[in-house]
Amino acid sequence: MMTHTQTKLGRRAFIGGVCSIAVARPAVAMTADDATAFITRLIADIYRVIDSGVPEADMIPQFEALFGRYADIDIMAQYALGVDGRSASPAQKAAFSDAFSGYIAKKYGARFGEFIGGRIEVESARKIKPGYEIKTTAYLRGESPIDVIFLVSDKSGELQFFNMFLEGVNLLLTERSEIGSMLDQRGGDLDTATLDLKVAR
């Protein structure tokens, strides 16, 4: 759990990342209603899995598939790789994105399982430069409600979320830090880090 100060620092750092993404993308055409409806569909699909009656263990692969369907994995991979991607070849970037896709979908898709026995309600939509911030509240089984925030854009050609905040924890900043640590531990060897990321799935 991040402290209030850490969360504020994370949000400040993320603003810079959002701006860098925005510079590379054209103006957003979608509306607040579009973005809200998109997240509402995601929530409905999460609960369609939950209400299917299958064992919880069997829900995890379905949650992973939902994450992969609704998330802009490519932009997440690009951000997570950061400056290390500047010297990478197109083949290395493609291999990393593929490995990152399986890793991130498994890691965060599994967290959808936390919503079993609870409910998620959309609270508000706020315009940001790359798209919209959709704030939701998750009422979890036996726990206090938490904020779950999705950042949504349509610059991939379809609506997708490109970041999440879970209890104030920034997904993109967390993964950039973890991927950076992986690379540091491997002497900056991207090929080795990519292979290890596949195993981490």
N, C-alpha and C. Protein backbone atom coordinates (compact mmCIF):
# COMPACT_ATOMS: atom_id res chain seq x y z
N MET A 1 0.85 -1.20 0.00
CA MET A 1 0.00 0.00 0.00
C MET A 1 0.88 1.25 0.00
N MET A 2 0.66 2.17 -0.91
CA MET A 2 1.46 3.39 -0.98
C MET A 2 0.94 4.41 0.02
N THR A 3 1.88 5.21 0.58
CA THR A 3 1.47 6.30 1.45
C THR A 3 0.88 7.41 0.61
N HIS A 4 0.21 8.38 1.28
CA HIS A 4 -0.39 9.51 0.56
C HIS A 4 0.69 10.28 -0.21
N THR A 5 1.86 10.45 0.45
CA THR A 5 2.95 11.19 -0.21
C THR A 5 3.46 10.45 -1.42
N GLN A 6 3.63 9.12 -1.31
CA GLN A 6 4.10 8.33 -2.44
C GLN A 6 3.12 8.38 -3.59
N THR A 7 1.82 8.34 -3.25
CA THR A 7 0.80 8.40 -4.29
C THR A 7 0.87 9.72 -5.03
N LYS A 8 1.04 10.83 -4.28
CA LYS A 8 1.13 12.14 -4.90
C LYS A 8 2.34 12.22 -5.81
N LEU A 9 3.48 11.66 -5.34
CA LEU A 9 4.68 11.67 -6.16
C LEU A 9 4.49 10.83 -7.41
N GLY A 10 3.83 9.68 -7.24
CA GLY A 10 3.58 8.82 -8.39
C GLY A 10 2.71 9.50 -9.42
N ARG A 11 1.69 10.23 -8.95
CA ARG A 11 0.81 10.93 -9.86
C ARG A 11 1.56 12.03 -10.59
N ARG A 12 2.45 12.74 -9.88
CA ARG A 12 3.23 13.79 -10.53
C ARG A 12 4.12 13.20 -11.62
N ALA A 13 4.78 12.08 -11.28
CA ALA A 13 5.66 11.45 -12.26
C ALA A 13 4.89 10.95 -13.45
N PHE A 14 3.66 10.44 -13.18
CA PHE A 14 2.87 9.90 -14.28
C PHE A 14 2.42 10.97 -15.25
N ILE A 15 2.18 12.20 -14.74
CA ILE A 15 1.75 13.28 -15.63
C ILE A 15 2.74 13.47 -16.75
N GLY A 16 4.04 13.40 -16.41
CA GLY A 16 5.06 13.54 -17.45
C GLY A 16 4.97 12.43 -18.48
N GLY A 17 4.68 11.19 -18.00
CA GLY A 17 4.54 10.08 -18.92
C GLY A 17 3.33 10.23 -19.82
N VAL A 18 2.23 10.70 -19.24
CA VAL A 18 1.03 10.92 -20.03
C VAL A 18 1.28 11.94 -21.11
N CYS A 19 1.99 13.02 -20.76
CA CYS A 19 2.27 14.07 -21.74
C CYS A 19 3.13 13.54 -22.87
N SER A 20 4.11 12.69 -22.54
CA SER A 20 4.97 12.16 -23.59
C SER A 20 4.19 11.28 -24.54
N ILE A 21 3.24 10.51 -23.99
CA ILE A 21 2.37 9.68 -24.83
C ILE A 21 1.51 10.57 -25.70
N ALA A 22 0.99 11.63 -25.09
CA ALA A 22 0.07 12.50 -25.82
C ALA A 22 0.73 13.18 -26.99
N VAL A 23 2.01 13.53 -26.84
CA VAL A 23 2.72 14.22 -27.92
C VAL A 23 2.77 13.35 -29.16
N ALA A 24 2.87 12.04 -28.95
CA ALA A 24 3.01 11.12 -30.08
C ALA A 24 1.67 10.73 -30.70
N ARG A 25 0.56 11.20 -30.09
CA ARG A 25 -0.75 10.78 -30.55
C ARG A 25 -1.57 11.98 -31.00
N PRO A 26 -2.44 11.82 -31.97
CA PRO A 26 -3.30 12.90 -32.40
C PRO A 26 -4.35 13.24 -31.35
N ALA A 27 -5.12 14.30 -31.59
CA ALA A 27 -6.14 14.73 -30.66
C ALA A 27 -7.20 13.63 -30.49
N VAL A 28 -7.71 13.53 -29.26
CA VAL A 28 -8.70 12.51 -28.94
C VAL A 28 -10.07 12.92 -29.46
N ALA A 29 -10.76 11.99 -30.13
CA ALA A 29 -12.06 12.30 -30.72
C ALA A 29 -13.22 11.78 -29.87
N MET A 30 -12.95 10.85 -28.98
CA MET A 30 -14.04 10.25 -28.22
C MET A 30 -14.60 11.23 -27.19
N THR A 31 -15.77 10.91 -26.66
CA THR A 31 -16.44 11.73 -25.66
C THR A 31 -16.38 11.05 -24.30
N ALA A 32 -16.77 11.80 -23.27
CA ALA A 32 -16.84 11.24 -21.92
C ALA A 32 -17.82 10.08 -21.87
N ASP A 33 -18.93 10.20 -22.59
CA ASP A 33 -19.92 9.12 -22.62
C ASP A 33 -19.34 7.86 -23.26
N ASP A 34 -18.52 8.04 -24.32
CA ASP A 34 -17.89 6.89 -24.97
C ASP A 34 -16.99 6.15 -23.99
N ALA A 35 -16.14 6.92 -23.30
CA ALA A 35 -15.18 6.32 -22.37
C ALA A 35 -15.90 5.66 -21.21
N THR A 36 -16.95 6.31 -20.70
CA THR A 36 -17.71 5.74 -19.60
C THR A 36 -18.40 4.44 -20.02
N ALA A 37 -18.98 4.44 -21.21
CA ALA A 37 -19.65 3.23 -21.72
C ALA A 37 -18.65 2.09 -21.90
N PHE A 38 -17.44 2.42 -22.34
CA PHE A 38 -16.39 1.42 -22.53
C PHE A 38 -16.05 0.73 -21.20
N ILE A 39 -15.83 1.53 -20.16
CA ILE A 39 -15.50 0.95 -18.85
C ILE A 39 -16.71 0.20 -18.28
N THR A 40 -17.90 0.69 -18.54
CA THR A 40 -19.10 -0.02 -18.10
C THR A 40 -19.18 -1.41 -18.75
N ARG A 41 -18.78 -1.49 -20.04
CA ARG A 41 -18.75 -2.81 -20.72
C ARG A 41 -17.71 -3.72 -20.10
N LEU A 42 -16.54 -3.14 -19.77
CA LEU A 42 -15.50 -3.93 -19.13
C LEU A 42 -16.01 -4.50 -17.81
N ILE A 43 -16.64 -3.66 -17.00
CA ILE A 43 -17.17 -4.12 -15.72
C ILE A 43 -18.21 -5.22 -15.92
N ALA A 44 -19.08 -5.02 -16.92
CA ALA A 44 -20.11 -6.03 -17.20
C ALA A 44 -19.47 -7.35 -17.59
N ASP A 45 -18.38 -7.31 -18.39
CA ASP A 45 -17.71 -8.53 -18.80
C ASP A 45 -17.02 -9.21 -17.62
N ILE A 46 -16.46 -8.40 -16.71
CA ILE A 46 -15.85 -8.97 -15.50
C ILE A 46 -16.90 -9.75 -14.72
N TYR A 47 -18.06 -9.15 -14.54
CA TYR A 47 -19.09 -9.82 -13.75
C TYR A 47 -19.79 -10.94 -14.52
N ARG A 48 -19.71 -10.91 -15.83
CA ARG A 48 -20.23 -12.04 -16.61
C ARG A 48 -19.39 -13.28 -16.31
N VAL A 49 -18.08 -13.08 -16.18
CA VAL A 49 -17.20 -14.20 -15.81
C VAL A 49 -17.50 -14.64 -14.38
N ILE A 50 -17.60 -13.66 -13.47
CA ILE A 50 -17.85 -13.99 -12.07
C ILE A 50 -19.17 -14.75 -11.89
N ASP A 51 -20.19 -14.34 -12.63
CA ASP A 51 -21.51 -14.95 -12.49
C ASP A 51 -21.68 -16.24 -13.29
N SER A 52 -20.62 -16.67 -13.97
CA SER A 52 -20.72 -17.86 -14.82
C SER A 52 -20.83 -19.15 -14.01
N GLY A 53 -20.42 -19.09 -12.75
CA GLY A 53 -20.54 -20.27 -11.91
C GLY A 53 -19.34 -21.20 -11.95
N VAL A 54 -18.31 -20.88 -12.74
CA VAL A 54 -17.13 -21.72 -12.79
C VAL A 54 -16.28 -21.49 -11.54
N PRO A 55 -15.42 -22.45 -11.15
CA PRO A 55 -14.56 -22.26 -9.99
C PRO A 55 -13.67 -21.01 -10.16
N GLU A 56 -13.29 -20.39 -9.03
CA GLU A 56 -12.49 -19.17 -9.10
C GLU A 56 -11.20 -19.39 -9.88
N ALA A 57 -10.56 -20.55 -9.71
CA ALA A 57 -9.31 -20.83 -10.40
C ALA A 57 -9.49 -20.78 -11.92
N ASP A 58 -10.68 -21.18 -12.39
CA ASP A 58 -10.95 -21.18 -13.83
C ASP A 58 -11.31 -19.80 -14.35
N MET A 59 -11.60 -18.88 -13.44
CA MET A 59 -11.91 -17.52 -13.86
C MET A 59 -10.65 -16.74 -14.24
N ILE A 60 -9.52 -17.09 -13.65
CA ILE A 60 -8.30 -16.29 -13.85
C ILE A 60 -7.91 -16.18 -15.33
N PRO A 61 -7.87 -17.30 -16.09
CA PRO A 61 -7.54 -17.16 -17.51
C PRO A 61 -8.52 -16.26 -18.26
N GLN A 62 -9.79 -16.29 -17.85
CA GLN A 62 -10.78 -15.43 -18.50
C GLN A 62 -10.56 -13.96 -18.15
N PHE A 63 -10.16 -13.70 -16.90
CA PHE A 63 -9.83 -12.33 -16.51
C PHE A 63 -8.61 -11.83 -17.29
N GLU A 64 -7.62 -12.72 -17.48
CA GLU A 64 -6.43 -12.36 -18.26
C GLU A 64 -6.83 -11.99 -19.68
N ALA A 65 -7.75 -12.77 -20.27
CA ALA A 65 -8.20 -12.49 -21.63
C ALA A 65 -8.91 -11.15 -21.71
N LEU A 66 -9.69 -10.82 -20.68
CA LEU A 66 -10.38 -9.52 -20.66
C LEU A 66 -9.37 -8.38 -20.59
N PHE A 67 -8.36 -8.55 -19.78
CA PHE A 67 -7.33 -7.51 -19.68
C PHE A 67 -6.67 -7.31 -21.04
N GLY A 68 -6.33 -8.41 -21.68
CA GLY A 68 -5.70 -8.31 -22.99
C GLY A 68 -6.60 -7.68 -24.04
N ARG A 69 -7.91 -7.89 -23.92
CA ARG A 69 -8.86 -7.35 -24.90
C ARG A 69 -9.10 -5.85 -24.69
N TYR A 70 -9.17 -5.43 -23.45
CA TYR A 70 -9.55 -4.05 -23.16
C TYR A 70 -8.36 -3.11 -22.98
N ALA A 71 -7.17 -3.64 -22.73
CA ALA A 71 -6.01 -2.80 -22.45
C ALA A 71 -5.16 -2.57 -23.70
N ASP A 72 -4.55 -1.39 -23.79
CA ASP A 72 -3.64 -1.07 -24.89
C ASP A 72 -2.25 -1.57 -24.50
N ILE A 73 -2.03 -2.86 -24.71
CA ILE A 73 -0.80 -3.51 -24.27
C ILE A 73 0.43 -2.89 -24.93
N ASP A 74 0.33 -2.53 -26.20
CA ASP A 74 1.49 -2.00 -26.92
C ASP A 74 2.01 -0.72 -26.28
N ILE A 75 1.11 0.21 -25.95
CA ILE A 75 1.56 1.47 -25.37
C ILE A 75 2.08 1.24 -23.95
N MET A 76 1.49 0.27 -23.25
CA MET A 76 1.99 -0.07 -21.92
C MET A 76 3.41 -0.63 -21.99
N ALA A 77 3.64 -1.49 -22.98
CA ALA A 77 4.98 -2.07 -23.15
C ALA A 77 5.99 -0.99 -23.51
N GLN A 78 5.60 -0.08 -24.38
CA GLN A 78 6.48 1.01 -24.79
C GLN A 78 6.87 1.87 -23.59
N TYR A 79 5.88 2.19 -22.76
CA TYR A 79 6.15 3.02 -21.59
C TYR A 79 7.01 2.27 -20.58
N ALA A 80 6.71 0.99 -20.35
CA ALA A 80 7.46 0.20 -19.38
C ALA A 80 8.93 0.07 -19.77
N LEU A 81 9.19 -0.04 -21.06
CA LEU A 81 10.57 -0.17 -21.53
C LEU A 81 11.33 1.14 -21.40
N GLY A 82 10.63 2.26 -21.55
CA GLY A 82 11.24 3.57 -21.32
C GLY A 82 12.42 3.85 -22.23
N VAL A 83 13.44 4.51 -21.68
CA VAL A 83 14.60 4.92 -22.48
C VAL A 83 15.38 3.73 -23.01
N ASP A 84 15.23 2.58 -22.38
CA ASP A 84 15.94 1.39 -22.86
C ASP A 84 15.44 0.96 -24.22
N GLY A 85 14.27 1.42 -24.59
CA GLY A 85 13.73 1.07 -25.90
C GLY A 85 14.36 1.84 -27.04
N ARG A 86 15.05 2.94 -26.72
CA ARG A 86 15.62 3.78 -27.78
C ARG A 86 16.71 3.07 -28.58
N SER A 87 17.45 2.22 -27.92
CA SER A 87 18.54 1.51 -28.61
C SER A 87 18.12 0.12 -29.07
N ALA A 88 16.88 -0.26 -28.80
CA ALA A 88 16.41 -1.60 -29.18
C ALA A 88 16.04 -1.64 -30.66
N SER A 89 16.28 -2.78 -31.28
CA SER A 89 15.89 -2.97 -32.68
C SER A 89 14.39 -3.21 -32.76
N PRO A 90 13.79 -3.04 -33.95
CA PRO A 90 12.36 -3.35 -34.09
C PRO A 90 12.02 -4.77 -33.66
N ALA A 91 12.91 -5.73 -33.97
CA ALA A 91 12.66 -7.13 -33.58
C ALA A 91 12.68 -7.28 -32.06
N GLN A 92 13.60 -6.59 -31.40
CA GLN A 92 13.67 -6.66 -29.95
C GLN A 92 12.44 -6.03 -29.30
N LYS A 93 11.98 -4.91 -29.87
CA LYS A 93 10.79 -4.26 -29.33
C LYS A 93 9.57 -5.15 -29.49
N ALA A 94 9.46 -5.81 -30.64
CA ALA A 94 8.32 -6.69 -30.89
C ALA A 94 8.34 -7.87 -29.93
N ALA A 95 9.51 -8.44 -29.71
CA ALA A 95 9.63 -9.59 -28.81
C ALA A 95 9.30 -9.18 -27.38
N PHE A 96 9.78 -8.00 -26.98
CA PHE A 96 9.48 -7.52 -25.63
C PHE A 96 7.99 -7.28 -25.46
N SER A 97 7.36 -6.65 -26.46
CA SER A 97 5.93 -6.36 -26.37
C SER A 97 5.12 -7.65 -26.24
N ASP A 98 5.52 -8.69 -26.97
CA ASP A 98 4.83 -9.97 -26.91
C ASP A 98 4.97 -10.59 -25.52
N ALA A 99 6.19 -10.56 -24.97
CA ALA A 99 6.42 -11.13 -23.64
C ALA A 99 5.69 -10.31 -22.57
N PHE A 100 5.73 -9.00 -22.72
CA PHE A 100 5.08 -8.11 -21.77
C PHE A 100 3.57 -8.31 -21.78
N SER A 101 3.02 -8.57 -22.95
CA SER A 101 1.57 -8.76 -23.09
C SER A 101 1.08 -9.91 -22.21
N GLY A 102 1.74 -11.06 -22.29
CA GLY A 102 1.34 -12.19 -21.47
C GLY A 102 1.57 -11.93 -19.99
N TYR A 103 2.69 -11.30 -19.68
CA TYR A 103 3.04 -11.01 -18.29
C TYR A 103 2.04 -10.06 -17.64
N ILE A 104 1.73 -8.95 -18.32
CA ILE A 104 0.87 -7.93 -17.73
C ILE A 104 -0.57 -8.40 -17.65
N ALA A 105 -1.02 -9.15 -18.64
CA ALA A 105 -2.40 -9.66 -18.62
C ALA A 105 -2.59 -10.64 -17.47
N LYS A 106 -1.60 -11.49 -17.24
CA LYS A 106 -1.70 -12.45 -16.14
C LYS A 106 -1.65 -11.74 -14.80
N LYS A 107 -0.72 -10.81 -14.67
CA LYS A 107 -0.51 -10.14 -13.39
C LYS A 107 -1.71 -9.31 -12.96
N TYR A 108 -2.24 -8.49 -13.88
CA TYR A 108 -3.33 -7.59 -13.51
C TYR A 108 -4.70 -8.17 -13.81
N GLY A 109 -4.77 -9.06 -14.78
CA GLY A 109 -6.04 -9.74 -15.03
C GLY A 109 -6.44 -10.56 -13.82
N ALA A 110 -5.45 -11.16 -13.17
CA ALA A 110 -5.75 -11.95 -11.97
C ALA A 110 -6.34 -11.08 -10.87
N ARG A 111 -6.01 -9.80 -10.86
CA ARG A 111 -6.54 -8.91 -9.82
C ARG A 111 -8.04 -8.66 -9.98
N PHE A 112 -8.56 -8.92 -11.17
CA PHE A 112 -10.01 -8.81 -11.33
C PHE A 112 -10.73 -9.79 -10.41
N GLY A 113 -10.02 -10.85 -10.03
CA GLY A 113 -10.61 -11.81 -9.13
C GLY A 113 -10.95 -11.23 -7.77
N GLU A 114 -10.33 -10.11 -7.42
CA GLU A 114 -10.62 -9.46 -6.14
C GLU A 114 -12.05 -8.93 -6.10
N PHE A 115 -12.65 -8.77 -7.28
CA PHE A 115 -13.99 -8.20 -7.35
C PHE A 115 -15.09 -9.24 -7.12
N ILE A 116 -14.70 -10.51 -6.98
CA ILE A 116 -15.69 -11.56 -6.73
C ILE A 116 -16.40 -11.27 -5.41
N GLY A 117 -17.72 -11.32 -5.43
CA GLY A 117 -18.49 -11.09 -4.23
C GLY A 117 -18.74 -9.62 -3.93
N GLY A 118 -18.29 -8.74 -4.81
CA GLY A 118 -18.49 -7.31 -4.60
C GLY A 118 -19.15 -6.68 -5.81
N ARG A 119 -18.90 -5.39 -5.97
CA ARG A 119 -19.44 -4.69 -7.13
C ARG A 119 -18.55 -3.50 -7.45
N ILE A 120 -18.62 -3.02 -8.68
CA ILE A 120 -17.86 -1.86 -9.12
C ILE A 120 -18.84 -0.84 -9.67
N GLU A 121 -18.71 0.39 -9.23
CA GLU A 121 -19.60 1.44 -9.70
C GLU A 121 -18.79 2.57 -10.34
N VAL A 122 -19.22 3.01 -11.53
CA VAL A 122 -18.57 4.14 -12.19
C VAL A 122 -19.01 5.42 -11.50
N GLU A 123 -18.03 6.26 -11.12
CA GLU A 123 -18.33 7.48 -10.37
C GLU A 123 -18.27 8.74 -11.22
N SER A 124 -17.25 8.84 -12.08
CA SER A 124 -17.07 10.10 -12.82
C SER A 124 -16.15 9.90 -14.02
N ALA A 125 -16.20 10.87 -14.94
CA ALA A 125 -15.30 10.90 -16.10
C ALA A 125 -14.66 12.28 -16.13
N ARG A 126 -13.34 12.32 -16.30
CA ARG A 126 -12.62 13.59 -16.34
C ARG A 126 -11.70 13.61 -17.55
N LYS A 127 -11.74 14.70 -18.31
CA LYS A 127 -10.92 14.84 -19.51
C LYS A 127 -9.46 14.99 -19.12
N ILE A 128 -8.60 14.23 -19.76
CA ILE A 128 -7.16 14.39 -19.66
C ILE A 128 -6.61 14.47 -21.07
N LYS A 129 -5.36 14.87 -21.22
CA LYS A 129 -4.85 15.14 -22.56
C LYS A 129 -4.92 13.93 -23.50
N PRO A 130 -4.55 12.72 -23.04
CA PRO A 130 -4.63 11.58 -23.98
C PRO A 130 -6.02 10.98 -24.13
N GLY A 131 -6.98 11.40 -23.29
CA GLY A 131 -8.30 10.78 -23.38
C GLY A 131 -9.17 11.16 -22.19
N TYR A 132 -9.59 10.13 -21.41
CA TYR A 132 -10.43 10.37 -20.25
C TYR A 132 -9.98 9.51 -19.08
N GLU A 133 -10.13 10.08 -17.89
CA GLU A 133 -9.92 9.34 -16.66
C GLU A 133 -11.30 8.92 -16.15
N ILE A 134 -11.51 7.63 -16.02
CA ILE A 134 -12.78 7.11 -15.52
C ILE A 134 -12.55 6.58 -14.10
N LYS A 135 -13.19 7.23 -13.14
CA LYS A 135 -13.03 6.83 -11.75
C LYS A 135 -14.16 5.89 -11.37
N THR A 136 -13.81 4.76 -10.78
CA THR A 136 -14.79 3.81 -10.29
C THR A 136 -14.50 3.51 -8.82
N THR A 137 -15.49 2.98 -8.13
CA THR A 137 -15.31 2.52 -6.76
C THR A 137 -15.62 1.03 -6.73
N ALA A 138 -14.69 0.26 -6.17
CA ALA A 138 -14.88 -1.18 -6.03
C ALA A 138 -15.26 -1.48 -4.58
N TYR A 139 -16.43 -2.07 -4.42
CA TYR A 139 -16.89 -2.49 -3.10
C TYR A 139 -16.58 -3.97 -2.98
N LEU A 140 -15.52 -4.28 -2.23
CA LEU A 140 -15.01 -5.64 -2.18
C LEU A 140 -15.60 -6.42 -1.02
N ARG A 141 -15.58 -7.72 -1.16
CA ARG A 141 -16.12 -8.61 -0.15
C ARG A 141 -15.29 -8.53 1.12
N GLY A 142 -15.91 -8.08 2.20
CA GLY A 142 -15.24 -8.05 3.50
C GLY A 142 -14.16 -7.00 3.65
N GLU A 143 -14.07 -6.03 2.72
CA GLU A 143 -13.04 -5.01 2.79
C GLU A 143 -13.65 -3.63 2.56
N SER A 144 -12.84 -2.61 2.86
CA SER A 144 -13.29 -1.25 2.61
C SER A 144 -13.29 -0.97 1.11
N PRO A 145 -14.17 -0.09 0.63
CA PRO A 145 -14.18 0.26 -0.81
C PRO A 145 -12.84 0.86 -1.23
N ILE A 146 -12.47 0.64 -2.48
CA ILE A 146 -11.24 1.23 -3.00
C ILE A 146 -11.52 1.94 -4.33
N ASP A 147 -10.70 2.92 -4.63
CA ASP A 147 -10.78 3.59 -5.92
C ASP A 147 -10.04 2.78 -6.97
N VAL A 148 -10.67 2.59 -8.11
CA VAL A 148 -10.02 1.98 -9.26
C VAL A 148 -10.22 2.96 -10.42
N ILE A 149 -9.11 3.49 -10.93
CA ILE A 149 -9.17 4.51 -11.98
C ILE A 149 -8.59 3.93 -13.27
N PHE A 150 -9.31 4.14 -14.37
CA PHE A 150 -8.87 3.72 -15.69
C PHE A 150 -8.61 4.96 -16.54
N LEU A 151 -7.51 4.98 -17.26
CA LEU A 151 -7.23 6.03 -18.23
C LEU A 151 -7.49 5.44 -19.62
N VAL A 152 -8.38 6.08 -20.37
CA VAL A 152 -8.89 5.52 -21.62
C VAL A 152 -8.53 6.42 -22.80
N SER A 153 -8.11 5.80 -23.90
CA SER A 153 -7.82 6.52 -25.14
C SER A 153 -8.35 5.71 -26.31
N ASP A 154 -8.45 6.35 -27.49
CA ASP A 154 -8.89 5.62 -28.69
C ASP A 154 -7.86 5.71 -29.81
N LYS A 155 -6.63 6.04 -29.46
CA LYS A 155 -5.62 6.27 -30.49
C LYS A 155 -5.04 5.00 -31.09
N SER A 156 -5.43 3.84 -30.56
CA SER A 156 -5.01 2.58 -31.18
C SER A 156 -5.95 2.22 -32.32
N GLY A 157 -7.02 3.02 -32.49
CA GLY A 157 -8.03 2.72 -33.48
C GLY A 157 -9.31 2.22 -32.85
N GLU A 158 -9.25 1.92 -31.56
CA GLU A 158 -10.42 1.50 -30.81
C GLU A 158 -10.23 1.95 -29.36
N LEU A 159 -11.31 2.01 -28.60
CA LEU A 159 -11.19 2.41 -27.21
C LEU A 159 -10.46 1.33 -26.43
N GLN A 160 -9.46 1.75 -25.65
CA GLN A 160 -8.73 0.85 -24.77
C GLN A 160 -8.24 1.66 -23.58
N PHE A 161 -8.05 0.99 -22.44
CA PHE A 161 -7.43 1.72 -21.34
C PHE A 161 -5.92 1.48 -21.40
N PHE A 162 -5.15 2.52 -21.08
CA PHE A 162 -3.70 2.41 -21.17
C PHE A 162 -3.02 2.56 -19.81
N ASN A 163 -3.80 2.71 -18.77
CA ASN A 163 -3.24 2.72 -17.42
C ASN A 163 -4.36 2.48 -16.42
N MET A 164 -3.97 1.99 -15.24
CA MET A 164 -4.90 1.81 -14.13
C MET A 164 -4.24 2.30 -12.86
N PHE A 165 -5.06 2.83 -11.97
CA PHE A 165 -4.63 3.11 -10.61
C PHE A 165 -5.47 2.21 -9.70
N LEU A 166 -4.80 1.35 -8.94
CA LEU A 166 -5.48 0.49 -7.97
C LEU A 166 -5.07 0.95 -6.59
N GLU A 167 -6.01 1.50 -5.84
CA GLU A 167 -5.72 2.05 -4.52
C GLU A 167 -4.62 3.11 -4.61
N GLY A 168 -4.61 3.88 -5.68
CA GLY A 168 -3.62 4.93 -5.86
C GLY A 168 -2.30 4.46 -6.45
N VAL A 169 -2.14 3.16 -6.65
CA VAL A 169 -0.90 2.63 -7.20
C VAL A 169 -0.98 2.67 -8.72
N ASN A 170 -0.03 3.32 -9.34
CA ASN A 170 0.02 3.56 -10.78
C ASN A 170 0.63 2.35 -11.49
N LEU A 171 -0.18 1.67 -12.31
CA LEU A 171 0.29 0.48 -13.01
C LEU A 171 1.52 0.76 -13.87
N LEU A 172 1.45 1.82 -14.69
CA LEU A 172 2.55 2.09 -15.61
C LEU A 172 3.85 2.40 -14.89
N LEU A 173 3.79 3.23 -13.86
CA LEU A 173 5.01 3.57 -13.13
C LEU A 173 5.57 2.34 -12.41
N THR A 174 4.67 1.52 -11.87
CA THR A 174 5.11 0.30 -11.20
C THR A 174 5.86 -0.61 -12.17
N GLU A 175 5.29 -0.80 -13.37
CA GLU A 175 5.93 -1.70 -14.33
C GLU A 175 7.20 -1.11 -14.91
N ARG A 176 7.24 0.21 -15.13
CA ARG A 176 8.49 0.81 -15.61
C ARG A 176 9.61 0.59 -14.60
N SER A 177 9.29 0.74 -13.32
CA SER A 177 10.28 0.53 -12.27
C SER A 177 10.74 -0.93 -12.23
N GLU A 178 9.79 -1.86 -12.34
CA GLU A 178 10.14 -3.28 -12.26
C GLU A 178 10.91 -3.75 -13.49
N ILE A 179 10.51 -3.27 -14.66
CA ILE A 179 11.25 -3.64 -15.88
C ILE A 179 12.65 -3.04 -15.84
N GLY A 180 12.76 -1.79 -15.36
CA GLY A 180 14.07 -1.17 -15.22
C GLY A 180 14.98 -1.95 -14.30
N SER A 181 14.42 -2.46 -13.20
CA SER A 181 15.21 -3.26 -12.26
C SER A 181 15.65 -4.57 -12.91
N MET A 182 14.74 -5.18 -13.68
CA MET A 182 15.10 -6.42 -14.38
C MET A 182 16.27 -6.19 -15.32
N LEU A 183 16.23 -5.08 -16.06
CA LEU A 183 17.30 -4.78 -17.00
C LEU A 183 18.60 -4.49 -16.27
N ASP A 184 18.53 -3.75 -15.17
CA ASP A 184 19.74 -3.44 -14.40
C ASP A 184 20.40 -4.71 -13.89
N GLN A 185 19.58 -5.65 -13.41
CA GLN A 185 20.11 -6.91 -12.88
C GLN A 185 20.74 -7.77 -13.96
N ARG A 186 20.39 -7.49 -15.21
CA ARG A 186 20.91 -8.27 -16.34
C ARG A 186 21.87 -7.46 -17.19
N GLY A 187 22.40 -6.43 -16.61
CA GLY A 187 23.39 -5.60 -17.30
C GLY A 187 22.85 -4.90 -18.53
N GLY A 188 21.55 -4.62 -18.54
CA GLY A 188 20.94 -3.94 -19.67
C GLY A 188 20.65 -4.85 -20.85
N ASP A 189 20.77 -6.16 -20.66
CA ASP A 189 20.54 -7.12 -21.76
C ASP A 189 19.04 -7.30 -21.97
N LEU A 190 18.50 -6.65 -22.98
CA LEU A 190 17.06 -6.69 -23.23
C LEU A 190 16.59 -8.08 -23.65
N ASP A 191 17.39 -8.78 -24.43
CA ASP A 191 17.00 -10.12 -24.89
C ASP A 191 16.82 -11.07 -23.70
N THR A 192 17.74 -11.01 -22.75
CA THR A 192 17.64 -11.87 -21.57
C THR A 192 16.44 -11.48 -20.72
N ALA A 193 16.23 -10.17 -20.55
CA ALA A 193 15.09 -9.70 -19.77
C ALA A 193 13.78 -10.13 -20.42
N THR A 194 13.72 -10.11 -21.74
CA THR A 194 12.51 -10.52 -22.46
C THR A 194 12.22 -12.00 -22.22
N LEU A 195 13.25 -12.83 -22.28
CA LEU A 195 13.08 -14.26 -22.05
C LEU A 195 12.60 -14.52 -20.63
N ASP A 196 13.18 -13.80 -19.67
CA ASP A 196 12.79 -13.97 -18.27
C ASP A 196 11.36 -13.50 -18.04
N LEU A 197 10.95 -12.47 -18.78
CA LEU A 197 9.59 -11.96 -18.65
C LEU A 197 8.58 -13.01 -19.12
N LYS A 198 8.95 -13.78 -20.15
CA LYS A 198 8.07 -14.84 -20.62
C LYS A 198 7.89 -15.90 -19.55
N VAL A 199 8.96 -16.22 -18.85
CA VAL A 199 8.90 -17.22 -17.78
C VAL A 199 8.04 -16.70 -16.64
N ALA A 200 8.08 -15.36 -16.41
CA ALA A 200 7.33 -14.75 -15.31
C ALA A 200 5.83 -14.81 -15.52
N ARG A 201 5.39 -15.17 -16.73
CA ARG A 201 3.95 -15.30 -16.97
C ARG A 201 3.35 -16.32 -16.04
